[in-house]
C-alpha atoms as a PDB file:
ATOM      1  CA  MET A   1     -53.350  -7.458 -88.004  1.00  0.00           C
ATOM      2  CA  ASP A   2     -53.031  -9.053 -91.451  1.00  0.00           C
ATOM      3  CA  ILE A   3     -55.657  -9.168 -94.186  1.00  0.00           C
ATOM      4  CA  LYS A   4     -56.542 -12.816 -93.548  1.00  0.00           C
ATOM      5  CA  THR A   5     -57.356 -12.063 -89.910  1.00  0.00           C
ATOM      6  CA  LEU A   6     -59.477  -9.071 -90.912  1.00  0.00           C
ATOM      7  CA  LEU A   7     -61.380 -11.200 -93.406  1.00  0.00           C
ATOM      8  CA  ASN A   8     -62.054 -13.828 -90.739  1.00  0.00           C
ATOM      9  CA  LEU A   9     -63.674 -11.162 -88.562  1.00  0.00           C
ATOM     10  CA  PHE A  10     -66.304 -10.606 -91.263  1.00  0.00           C
ATOM     11  CA  THR A  11     -67.513 -14.212 -90.857  1.00  0.00           C
ATOM     12  CA  ASP A  12     -70.730 -14.075 -88.807  1.00  0.00           C
ATOM     13  CA  ALA A  13     -69.581 -10.661 -87.586  1.00  0.00           C
ATOM     14  CA  LYS A  14     -71.174  -8.991 -84.589  1.00  0.00           C
ATOM     15  CA  ILE A  15     -71.015  -5.284 -83.847  1.00  0.00           C
ATOM     16  CA  GLU A  16     -67.872  -5.711 -81.730  1.00  0.00           C
ATOM     17  CA  ASP A  17     -66.177  -7.447 -84.678  1.00  0.00           C
ATOM     18  CA  TYR A  18     -67.043  -4.547 -86.971  1.00  0.00           C
ATOM     19  CA  VAL A  19     -65.690  -2.077 -84.413  1.00  0.00           C
ATOM     20  CA  ASN A  20     -62.478  -4.112 -84.186  1.00  0.00           C
ATOM     21  CA  ILE A  21     -62.095  -4.083 -87.976  1.00  0.00           C
ATOM     22  CA  VAL A  22     -62.567  -0.309 -88.127  1.00  0.00           C
ATOM     23  CA  GLU A  23     -59.973   0.220 -85.396  1.00  0.00           C
ATOM     24  CA  GLN A  24     -57.430  -2.031 -87.117  1.00  0.00           C
ATOM     25  CA  CYS A  25     -58.014  -0.333 -90.473  1.00  0.00           C
ATOM     26  CA  ASP A  26     -57.610   3.085 -88.839  1.00  0.00           C
ATOM     27  CA  LYS A  27     -54.194   2.004 -87.564  1.00  0.00           C
ATOM     28  CA  GLN A  28     -53.191   0.775 -91.013  1.00  0.00           C
ATOM     29  CA  ILE A  29     -54.255   4.020 -92.680  1.00  0.00           C
ATOM     30  CA  GLN A  30     -52.492   6.117 -90.037  1.00  0.00           C
ATOM     31  CA  SER A  31     -49.309   4.168 -90.787  1.00  0.00           C
ATOM     32  CA  ASN A  32     -49.680   5.149 -94.464  1.00  0.00           C
ATOM     33  CA  ASN A  33     -51.089   1.812 -95.612  1.00  0.00           C
ATOM     34  CA  ASN A  34     -53.521   3.359 -98.090  1.00  0.00           C
ATOM     35  CA  SER A  35     -54.378   0.181 -99.949  1.00  0.00           C
ATOM     36  CA  ALA A  36     -57.768  -0.270-101.576  1.00  0.00           C
ATOM     37  CA  ALA A  37     -58.402  -3.375 -99.472  1.00  0.00           C
ATOM     38  CA  ILE A  38     -58.013  -1.510 -96.178  1.00  0.00           C
ATOM     39  CA  TYR A  39     -60.458   1.212 -97.233  1.00  0.00           C
ATOM     40  CA  TYR A  40     -62.861  -1.430 -98.520  1.00  0.00           C
ATOM     41  CA  PHE A  41     -62.724  -3.412 -95.273  1.00  0.00           C
ATOM     42  CA  ARG A  42     -63.271  -0.265 -93.232  1.00  0.00           C
ATOM     43  CA  ALA A  43     -66.201   0.744 -95.439  1.00  0.00           C
ATOM     44  CA  MET A  44     -67.967  -2.590 -95.001  1.00  0.00           C
ATOM     45  CA  ALA A  45     -67.234  -2.664 -91.261  1.00  0.00           C
ATOM     46  CA  LYS A  46     -68.626   0.851 -90.770  1.00  0.00           C
ATOM     47  CA  PHE A  47     -71.709  -0.175 -92.694  1.00  0.00           C
ATOM     48  CA  GLY A  48     -71.976  -3.262 -90.496  1.00  0.00           C
ATOM     49  CA  ILE A  49     -72.078  -1.009 -87.452  1.00  0.00           C
ATOM     50  CA  ALA A  50     -74.791   1.115 -89.072  1.00  0.00           C
ATOM     51  CA  VAL A  51     -77.056  -1.856 -89.777  1.00  0.00           C
ATOM     52  CA  SER A  52     -76.276  -3.942 -86.696  1.00  0.00           C
ATOM     53  CA  GLN A  53     -79.497  -5.673 -85.732  1.00  0.00           C
ATOM     54  CA  GLN A  54     -79.297  -4.536 -82.119  1.00  0.00           C
ATOM     55  CA  MET A  55     -79.264  -0.886 -83.189  1.00  0.00           C
ATOM     56  CA  THR A  56     -81.840  -1.402 -85.926  1.00  0.00           C
ATOM     57  CA  ASN A  57     -84.400  -2.903 -83.558  1.00  0.00           C
ATOM     58  CA  LYS A  58     -83.646  -0.463 -80.745  1.00  0.00           C
ATOM     59  CA  LEU A  59     -83.889   2.654 -82.906  1.00  0.00           C
ATOM     60  CA  LEU A  60     -86.537   1.810 -85.473  1.00  0.00           C
ATOM     61  CA  LEU A  61     -89.159  -0.154 -83.561  1.00  0.00           C
ATOM     62  CA  TYR A  62     -90.393   2.931 -81.746  1.00  0.00           C
ATOM     63  CA  THR A  63     -90.698   5.479 -84.523  1.00  0.00           C
ATOM     64  CA  ILE A  64     -94.504   5.323 -84.649  1.00  0.00           C
ATOM     65  CA  PRO A  65     -95.867   7.606 -81.925  1.00  0.00           C
ATOM     66  CA  VAL A  66     -97.760   5.499 -79.405  1.00  0.00           C
ATOM     67  CA  GLY A  67    -100.685   7.912 -79.251  1.00  0.00           C
ATOM     68  CA  VAL A  68    -101.082   8.098 -83.021  1.00  0.00           C
ATOM     69  CA  ALA A  69    -100.832   4.327 -83.387  1.00  0.00           C
ATOM     70  CA  ALA A  70    -103.538   3.942 -80.745  1.00  0.00           C
ATOM     71  CA  GLY A  71    -105.806   6.265 -82.690  1.00  0.00           C
ATOM     72  CA  LEU A  72    -105.896   9.213 -80.302  1.00  0.00           C
ATOM     73  CA  GLY A  73    -107.749  11.897 -82.153  1.00  0.00           C
ATOM     74  CA  THR A  74    -107.338  15.320 -80.574  1.00  0.00           C
ATOM     75  CA  ALA A  75    -105.288  17.841 -82.490  1.00  0.00           C
ATOM     76  CA  GLY A  76    -103.119  18.615 -79.461  1.00  0.00           C
ATOM     77  CA  THR A  77    -102.284  14.963 -78.873  1.00  0.00           C
ATOM     78  CA  ILE A  78    -101.485  14.374 -82.542  1.00  0.00           C
ATOM     79  CA  ALA A  79     -99.233  17.419 -82.687  1.00  0.00           C
ATOM     80  CA  LYS A  80     -97.405  16.345 -79.519  1.00  0.00           C
ATOM     81  CA  GLN A  81     -96.936  12.788 -80.754  1.00  0.00           C
ATOM     82  CA  SER A  82     -95.713  14.059 -84.123  1.00  0.00           C
ATOM     83  CA  ALA A  83     -93.088  16.176 -82.364  1.00  0.00           C
ATOM     84  CA  ILE A  84     -91.970  13.118 -80.377  1.00  0.00           C
ATOM     85  CA  MET A  85     -91.759  11.088 -83.579  1.00  0.00           C
ATOM     86  CA  GLN A  86     -89.671  13.764 -85.294  1.00  0.00           C
ATOM     87  CA  ASN A  87     -87.272  13.847 -82.348  1.00  0.00           C
ATOM     88  CA  LYS A  88     -86.831  10.074 -82.537  1.00  0.00           C
ATOM     89  CA  ILE A  89     -86.346  10.202 -86.290  1.00  0.00           C
ATOM     90  CA  ASN A  90     -83.613  12.820 -85.821  1.00  0.00           C
ATOM     91  CA  LYS A  91     -81.790  10.503 -83.392  1.00  0.00           C
ATOM     92  CA  ILE A  92     -82.111   7.611 -85.826  1.00  0.00           C
ATOM     93  CA  GLU A  93     -80.756   9.669 -88.724  1.00  0.00           C
ATOM     94  CA  LYS A  94     -77.815  10.787 -86.581  1.00  0.00           C
ATOM     95  CA  HIS A  95     -76.875   7.160 -85.891  1.00  0.00           C
ATOM     96  CA  TYR A  96     -77.125   6.130 -89.517  1.00  0.00           C
ATOM     97  CA  LYS A  97     -74.743   8.902 -90.638  1.00  0.00           C
ATOM     98  CA  ILE A  98     -71.963   6.341 -90.195  1.00  0.00           C
ATOM     99  CA  ALA A  99     -73.298   4.784 -93.414  1.00  0.00           C
ATOM    100  CA  ASP A 100     -72.334   7.981 -95.261  1.00  0.00           C
ATOM    101  CA  SER A 101     -68.789   7.641 -93.916  1.00  0.00           C
ATOM    102  CA  ALA A 102     -68.797   4.039 -95.145  1.00  0.00           C
ATOM    103  CA  VAL A 103     -69.791   5.204 -98.638  1.00  0.00           C
ATOM    104  CA  LYS A 104     -66.852   7.654 -98.666  1.00  0.00           C
ATOM    105  CA  ASP A 105     -64.424   4.848 -97.769  1.00  0.00           C
ATOM    106  CA  TYR A 106     -66.002   2.627-100.415  1.00  0.00           C
ATOM    107  CA  ASN A 107     -65.542   5.290-103.090  1.00  0.00           C
ATOM    108  CA  LYS A 108     -61.948   5.805-101.947  1.00  0.00           C
ATOM    109  CA  ALA A 109     -61.312   2.067-102.325  1.00  0.00           C
ATOM    110  CA  LEU A 110     -62.784   2.132-105.836  1.00  0.00           C
ATOM    111  CA  SER A 111     -60.568   5.065-106.788  1.00  0.00           C
ATOM    112  CA  LEU A 112     -57.521   3.009-105.777  1.00  0.00           C
ATOM    113  CA  ASP A 113     -58.707  -0.247-107.338  1.00  0.00           C
ATOM    114  CA  ASN A 114     -61.923  -0.416-109.322  1.00  0.00           C
ATOM    115  CA  ASN A 115     -61.964  -4.217-109.074  1.00  0.00           C
ATOM    116  CA  ILE A 116     -61.771  -4.355-105.271  1.00  0.00           C
ATOM    117  CA  PRO A 117     -65.445  -5.371-104.753  1.00  0.00           C
ATOM    118  CA  ARG A 118     -64.992  -8.337-107.106  1.00  0.00           C
ATOM    119  CA  LYS A 119     -61.818  -9.429-105.322  1.00  0.00           C
ATOM    120  CA  TYR A 120     -63.696  -9.646-102.036  1.00  0.00           C
ATOM    121  CA  ASN A 121     -67.210 -10.352-103.291  1.00  0.00           C
ATOM    122  CA  TYR A 122     -67.825 -12.765-100.409  1.00  0.00           C
ATOM    123  CA  ILE A 123     -67.802  -9.918 -97.873  1.00  0.00           C
ATOM    124  CA  LYS A 124     -71.359  -8.984 -97.041  1.00  0.00           C
ATOM    125  CA  VAL A 125     -73.303  -7.256 -94.302  1.00  0.00           C
ATOM    126  CA  ARG A 126     -76.603  -8.758 -93.236  1.00  0.00           C
ATOM    127  CA  THR A 127     -79.368  -7.356 -91.079  1.00  0.00           C
ATOM    128  CA  THR A 128     -83.017  -7.994 -90.294  1.00  0.00           C
ATOM    129  CA  SER A 129     -85.741  -5.362 -90.285  1.00  0.00           C
ATOM    130  CA  ASP A 130     -88.733  -6.353 -88.176  1.00  0.00           C
ATOM    131  CA  LEU A 131     -90.609  -3.404 -89.651  1.00  0.00           C
ATOM    132  CA  VAL A 132     -90.347  -4.659 -93.215  1.00  0.00           C
ATOM    133  CA  GLY A 133     -90.348  -8.340 -92.276  1.00  0.00           C
ATOM    134  CA  ALA A 134     -87.289  -9.133 -94.367  1.00  0.00           C
ATOM    135  CA  ASP A 135     -83.562  -9.788 -94.209  1.00  0.00           C
ATOM    136  CA  PHE A 136     -81.256  -7.488 -96.150  1.00  0.00           C
ATOM    137  CA  ILE A 137     -77.851  -8.563 -97.469  1.00  0.00           C
ATOM    138  CA  PHE A 138     -75.589  -5.710 -98.576  1.00  0.00           C
ATOM    139  CA  TYR A 139     -72.498  -6.204-100.735  1.00  0.00           C
ATOM    140  CA  ARG A 140     -71.677  -2.506-100.622  1.00  0.00           C
ATOM    141  CA  PRO A 141     -72.546   0.489 -98.423  1.00  0.00           C
ATOM    142  CA  ILE A 142     -75.399   2.828 -99.315  1.00  0.00           C
ATOM    143  CA  SER A 143     -76.240   6.295 -98.020  1.00  0.00           C
ATOM    144  CA  SER A 144     -77.888   6.809 -94.641  1.00  0.00           C
ATOM    145  CA  LYS A 145     -81.101   8.142 -96.204  1.00  0.00           C
ATOM    146  CA  GLU A 146     -81.399   5.158 -98.524  1.00  0.00           C
ATOM    147  CA  LEU A 147     -80.604   2.752 -95.709  1.00  0.00           C
ATOM    148  CA  LEU A 148     -83.153   4.269 -93.357  1.00  0.00           C
ATOM    149  CA  SER A 149     -85.759   4.204 -96.109  1.00  0.00           C
ATOM    150  CA  LEU A 150     -85.222   0.482 -96.705  1.00  0.00           C
ATOM    151  CA  LEU A 151     -85.149  -0.537 -93.046  1.00  0.00           C
ATOM    152  CA  ALA A 152     -88.086   1.641 -91.972  1.00  0.00           C
ATOM    153  CA  GLY A 153     -90.317   0.223 -94.710  1.00  0.00           C
ATOM    154  CA  ASN A 154     -94.027   0.935 -94.379  1.00  0.00           C
ATOM    155  CA  ARG A 155     -93.388   2.744 -91.088  1.00  0.00           C
ATOM    156  CA  LYS A 156     -92.718   5.750 -93.332  1.00  0.00           C
ATOM    157  CA  TRP A 157     -96.432   5.900 -94.117  1.00  0.00           C
ATOM    158  CA  TRP A 158     -96.986   7.477 -90.705  1.00  0.00           C
ATOM    159  CA  LEU A 159     -95.167  10.553 -91.964  1.00  0.00           C
ATOM    160  CA  LEU A 160     -98.275  11.164 -94.093  1.00  0.00           C
ATOM    161  CA  PHE A 161    -100.684  10.785 -91.182  1.00  0.00           C
ATOM    162  CA  ILE A 162    -101.053  14.510 -90.483  1.00  0.00           C
ATOM    163  CA  PRO A 163    -101.338  15.524 -94.191  1.00  0.00           C
ATOM    164  CA  LEU A 164    -103.988  12.826 -94.715  1.00  0.00           C
ATOM    165  CA  LEU A 165    -105.904  13.928 -91.641  1.00  0.00           C
ATOM    166  CA  PHE A 166    -105.787  17.539 -92.819  1.00  0.00           C
ATOM    167  CA  TRP A 167    -107.025  16.446 -96.260  1.00  0.00           C
ATOM    168  CA  LEU A 168    -110.161  15.015 -94.615  1.00  0.00           C
ATOM    169  CA  ILE A 169    -111.040  18.276 -92.883  1.00  0.00           C
ATOM    170  CA  LEU A 170    -109.840  20.577 -95.666  1.00  0.00           C
ATOM    171  CA  PRO A 171    -113.258  20.776 -97.419  1.00  0.00           C
ATOM    172  CA  PHE A 172    -114.898  22.095 -94.230  1.00  0.00           C
ATOM    173  CA  ILE A 173    -112.181  24.716 -93.800  1.00  0.00           C
ATOM    174  CA  LEU A 174    -112.483  25.791 -97.430  1.00  0.00           C
ATOM    175  CA  LEU A 175    -116.274  25.996 -97.185  1.00  0.00           C
ATOM    176  CA  HIS A 176    -115.892  28.444 -94.313  1.00  0.00           C
ATOM    177  CA  PHE A 177    -113.730  30.791 -96.378  1.00  0.00           C
ATOM    178  CA  TYR A 178    -114.710  30.063 -99.980  1.00  0.00           C
ATOM    179  CA  GLY A 179    -118.195  28.525 -99.762  1.00  0.00           C
ATOM    180  CA  ASP A 180    -121.600  29.991-100.504  1.00  0.00           C
ATOM    181  CA  THR A 181    -124.827  29.548 -98.563  1.00  0.00           C
ATOM    182  CA  ASP A 182    -125.657  26.403-100.550  1.00  0.00           C
ATOM    183  CA  GLY A 183    -122.452  24.694 -99.449  1.00  0.00           C
ATOM    184  CA  ASN A 184    -120.619  25.006-102.757  1.00  0.00           C
ATOM    185  CA  LEU A 185    -116.999  26.086-103.170  1.00  0.00           C
ATOM    186  CA  ASP A 186    -116.054  28.943-105.469  1.00  0.00           C
ATOM    187  CA  ASN A 187    -113.273  28.564-108.056  1.00  0.00           C
ATOM    188  CA  THR A 188    -110.530  29.536-105.588  1.00  0.00           C
ATOM    189  CA  GLY A 189    -111.671  26.949-103.058  1.00  0.00           C
ATOM    190  CA  LEU A 190    -111.910  24.249-105.711  1.00  0.00           C
ATOM    191  CA  PHE A 191    -108.417  25.081-106.966  1.00  0.00           C
ATOM    192  CA  ILE A 192    -106.905  24.862-103.466  1.00  0.00           C
ATOM    193  CA  GLU A 193    -108.610  21.524-102.817  1.00  0.00           C
ATOM    194  CA  PHE A 194    -107.474  20.148-106.184  1.00  0.00           C
ATOM    195  CA  ALA A 195    -103.879  21.354-105.712  1.00  0.00           C
ATOM    196  CA  TYR A 196    -103.586  19.873-102.206  1.00  0.00           C
ATOM    197  CA  THR A 197    -105.054  16.562-103.343  1.00  0.00           C
ATOM    198  CA  LEU A 198    -102.631  16.427-106.280  1.00  0.00           C
ATOM    199  CA  VAL A 199     -99.610  17.079-104.038  1.00  0.00           C
ATOM    200  CA  LEU A 200    -100.788  14.410-101.585  1.00  0.00           C
ATOM    201  CA  ILE A 201    -101.159  11.840-104.372  1.00  0.00           C
ATOM    202  CA  ILE A 202     -97.633  12.614-105.594  1.00  0.00           C
ATOM    203  CA  CYS A 203     -96.278  12.145-102.050  1.00  0.00           C
ATOM    204  CA  VAL A 204     -98.052   8.788-101.702  1.00  0.00           C
ATOM    205  CA  LEU A 205     -96.689   7.582-105.039  1.00  0.00           C
ATOM    206  CA  PHE A 206     -93.194   8.803-104.136  1.00  0.00           C
ATOM    207  CA  ILE A 207     -93.115   6.875-100.851  1.00  0.00           C
ATOM    208  CA  ASN A 208     -94.561   3.785-102.509  1.00  0.00           C
ATOM    209  CA  ASN A 209     -91.908   3.710-105.260  1.00  0.00           C
ATOM    210  CA  LYS A 210     -88.875   4.983-103.353  1.00  0.00           C
ATOM    211  CA  ASP A 211     -87.702   1.605-102.016  1.00  0.00           C
ATOM    212  CA  LYS A 212     -88.146  -0.044-105.416  1.00  0.00           C
ATOM    213  CA  ASN A 213     -85.994   2.655-106.979  1.00  0.00           C
ATOM    214  CA  ILE A 214     -83.254   2.080-104.388  1.00  0.00           C
ATOM    215  CA  LEU A 215     -83.228  -1.662-105.057  1.00  0.00           C
ATOM    216  CA  GLN A 216     -83.142  -1.082-108.817  1.00  0.00           C
ATOM    217  CA  LYS A 217     -80.282   1.408-108.407  1.00  0.00           C
ATOM    218  CA  TYR A 218     -78.005  -1.080-106.635  1.00  0.00           C
ATOM    219  CA  GLY A 219     -79.145  -4.252-108.371  1.00  0.00           C
ATOM    220  CA  ASP A 220     -77.354  -7.375-107.121  1.00  0.00           C
ATOM    221  CA  ASP A 221     -75.506  -5.392-104.447  1.00  0.00           C
ATOM    222  CA  ILE A 222     -78.617  -5.590-102.248  1.00  0.00           C
ATOM    223  CA  VAL A 223     -80.463  -8.872-101.705  1.00  0.00           C
ATOM    224  CA  VAL A 224     -83.847  -8.890 -99.952  1.00  0.00           C
ATOM    225  CA  ILE A 225     -85.078 -12.116 -98.366  1.00  0.00           C
ATOM    226  CA  GLU A 226     -88.743 -11.913 -97.425  1.00  0.00           C
ATOM    227  CA  LYS A 227     -89.744 -13.705 -94.230  1.00  0.00           C
END
């Protein structure tokens, strides 16, 4: 399959088109065609598979535990739902590892020809995240962790649900161990409460700024279209 045919497959590509591109590029590389273009095409096709809308919706839409989202309040239920959520997140991360392979191919293409992205700057991968309520257009692959962070959006806030819940009951726990008869905490109790609150604030700020940092890092290589 020649380069023109491969390029045509990128036009309004579906997941089967991306798979076809990867297979054709694999054949070229196995036959010692180690051109920058072939690695670049394979990188973008692999990334297209990673962000295919079918997989994005199927994997990401169910990462909030149903019980937690419904406000079930018992500790046992919350712990069980958190375990379910973690299991689903692990499956999602496993799928998105293909993005890391795409980044390796992209870097290989750059090592062969640093101008390769500019030569084919019309190749892009587009996906929609219903969680964020936006379309994402990628002109280069990014790592699986960065990709998952962007596509999951504010769904990541649920990762702080348990720490926030614990923060609400922490004063009562500390009073039991470090409180006096008047209901006041001693210095140790106050220090623990202050330290936990500080760590929680840092975590909140980190999650809030993480996506902005990713977008700033890649600049024009990622375009976000709000719905």
